Amino acid sequence: MLAARIVANAPVAVRESLRVLEGTASADEELGRALTEDAKAVVFASEDAREGRDAFLGKRAPVWKGK
């Protein structure tokens, strides 16, 4: 059930979230913040971010492209 909830999200967001989690497992707080900021920049610049916004505003399910 958890896996189904995760894969229903935008692939770019899931990928970046995993990258941050893996990168901060044994890192200090400063590195964690840097990785998080980098991930946010990638996600917010993605086509999937725009699709999510457009789907929300259009009251429809998003169609993720992984880009």
C-alpha atoms as a PDB file:
ATOM      1  CA  MET A   1       0.000   0.000   0.000  1.00  0.00           C
ATOM      2  CA  LEU A   2       2.812   2.434   0.808  1.00  0.00           C
ATOM      3  CA  ALA A   3       4.608   1.617  -2.438  1.00  0.00           C
ATOM      4  CA  ALA A   4       1.434   2.340  -4.421  1.00  0.00           C
ATOM      5  CA  ARG A   5       1.144   5.746  -2.750  1.00  0.00           C
ATOM      6  CA  ILE A   6       4.777   6.557  -3.535  1.00  0.00           C
ATOM      7  CA  VAL A   7       4.650   5.561  -7.206  1.00  0.00           C
ATOM      8  CA  ALA A   8       1.488   7.629  -7.714  1.00  0.00           C
ATOM      9  CA  ASN A   9       3.610  10.761  -7.248  1.00  0.00           C
ATOM     10  CA  ALA A  10       5.698  12.598  -9.821  1.00  0.00           C
ATOM     11  CA  PRO A  11       8.760  10.495 -10.719  1.00  0.00           C
ATOM     12  CA  VAL A  12      11.073  13.505 -10.535  1.00  0.00           C
ATOM     13  CA  ALA A  13       9.922  14.304  -6.991  1.00  0.00           C
ATOM     14  CA  VAL A  14      10.249  10.687  -5.865  1.00  0.00           C
ATOM     15  CA  ARG A  15      13.709  10.366  -7.412  1.00  0.00           C
ATOM     16  CA  GLU A  16      14.962  13.586  -5.805  1.00  0.00           C
ATOM     17  CA  SER A  17      13.455  12.668  -2.434  1.00  0.00           C
ATOM     18  CA  LEU A  18      15.293   9.352  -2.491  1.00  0.00           C
ATOM     19  CA  ARG A  19      18.519  11.099  -3.492  1.00  0.00           C
ATOM     20  CA  VAL A  20      18.221  13.450  -0.508  1.00  0.00           C
ATOM     21  CA  LEU A  21      17.384  10.624   1.908  1.00  0.00           C
ATOM     22  CA  GLU A  22      20.320   8.541   0.723  1.00  0.00           C
ATOM     23  CA  GLY A  23      22.676  11.521   0.766  1.00  0.00           C
ATOM     24  CA  THR A  24      21.751  12.653   4.253  1.00  0.00           C
ATOM     25  CA  ALA A  25      21.699   9.297   6.030  1.00  0.00           C
ATOM     26  CA  SER A  26      25.086   9.981   7.618  1.00  0.00           C
ATOM     27  CA  ALA A  27      25.623  13.642   6.698  1.00  0.00           C
ATOM     28  CA  ASP A  28      25.699  16.770   8.761  1.00  0.00           C
ATOM     29  CA  GLU A  29      22.907  19.335   8.805  1.00  0.00           C
ATOM     30  CA  GLU A  30      24.631  21.706   6.379  1.00  0.00           C
ATOM     31  CA  LEU A  31      24.989  19.029   3.708  1.00  0.00           C
ATOM     32  CA  GLY A  32      21.385  17.987   4.280  1.00  0.00           C
ATOM     33  CA  ARG A  33      20.190  21.516   3.651  1.00  0.00           C
ATOM     34  CA  ALA A  34      22.313  21.819   0.508  1.00  0.00           C
ATOM     35  CA  LEU A  35      21.003  18.534  -0.895  1.00  0.00           C
ATOM     36  CA  THR A  36      17.435  19.574  -0.105  1.00  0.00           C
ATOM     37  CA  GLU A  37      17.844  22.927  -1.834  1.00  0.00           C
ATOM     38  CA  ASP A  38      19.346  21.259  -4.898  1.00  0.00           C
ATOM     39  CA  ALA A  39      16.481  18.767  -5.020  1.00  0.00           C
ATOM     40  CA  LYS A  40      13.884  21.535  -4.707  1.00  0.00           C
ATOM     41  CA  ALA A  41      15.442  23.382  -7.620  1.00  0.00           C
ATOM     42  CA  VAL A  42      15.329  20.259  -9.801  1.00  0.00           C
ATOM     43  CA  VAL A  43      11.730  19.445  -8.871  1.00  0.00           C
ATOM     44  CA  PHE A  44      10.371  22.983  -9.237  1.00  0.00           C
ATOM     45  CA  ALA A  45      12.014  23.361 -12.665  1.00  0.00           C
ATOM     46  CA  SER A  46      10.584  20.092 -13.963  1.00  0.00           C
ATOM     47  CA  GLU A  47       7.783  19.539 -16.447  1.00  0.00           C
ATOM     48  CA  ASP A  48       6.119  17.377 -13.805  1.00  0.00           C
ATOM     49  CA  ALA A  49       5.884  20.377 -11.457  1.00  0.00           C
ATOM     50  CA  ARG A  50       4.022  22.325 -14.112  1.00  0.00           C
ATOM     51  CA  GLU A  51       1.825  19.311 -14.846  1.00  0.00           C
ATOM     52  CA  GLY A  52       0.971  18.970 -11.166  1.00  0.00           C
ATOM     53  CA  ARG A  53      -0.056  22.607 -10.939  1.00  0.00           C
ATOM     54  CA  ASP A  54      -2.058  22.449 -14.167  1.00  0.00           C
ATOM     55  CA  ALA A  55      -3.784  19.227 -13.112  1.00  0.00           C
ATOM     56  CA  PHE A  56      -4.711  20.732  -9.744  1.00  0.00           C
ATOM     57  CA  LEU A  57      -6.092  23.893 -11.315  1.00  0.00           C
ATOM     58  CA  GLY A  58      -7.917  21.877 -13.976  1.00  0.00           C
ATOM     59  CA  LYS A  59      -9.324  19.515 -11.311  1.00  0.00           C
ATOM     60  CA  ARG A  60      -7.969  16.451 -13.079  1.00  0.00           C
ATOM     61  CA  ALA A  61      -5.481  13.708 -12.361  1.00  0.00           C
ATOM     62  CA  PRO A  62      -1.890  14.528 -13.356  1.00  0.00           C
ATOM     63  CA  VAL A  63      -0.139  12.690 -16.171  1.00  0.00           C
ATOM     64  CA  TRP A  64       3.468  12.402 -15.049  1.00  0.00           C
ATOM     65  CA  LYS A  65       6.228  12.295 -17.675  1.00  0.00           C
ATOM     66  CA  GLY A  66       9.241  11.924 -15.403  1.00  0.00           C
ATOM     67  CA  LYS A  67      10.796  15.079 -16.819  1.00  0.00           C
END
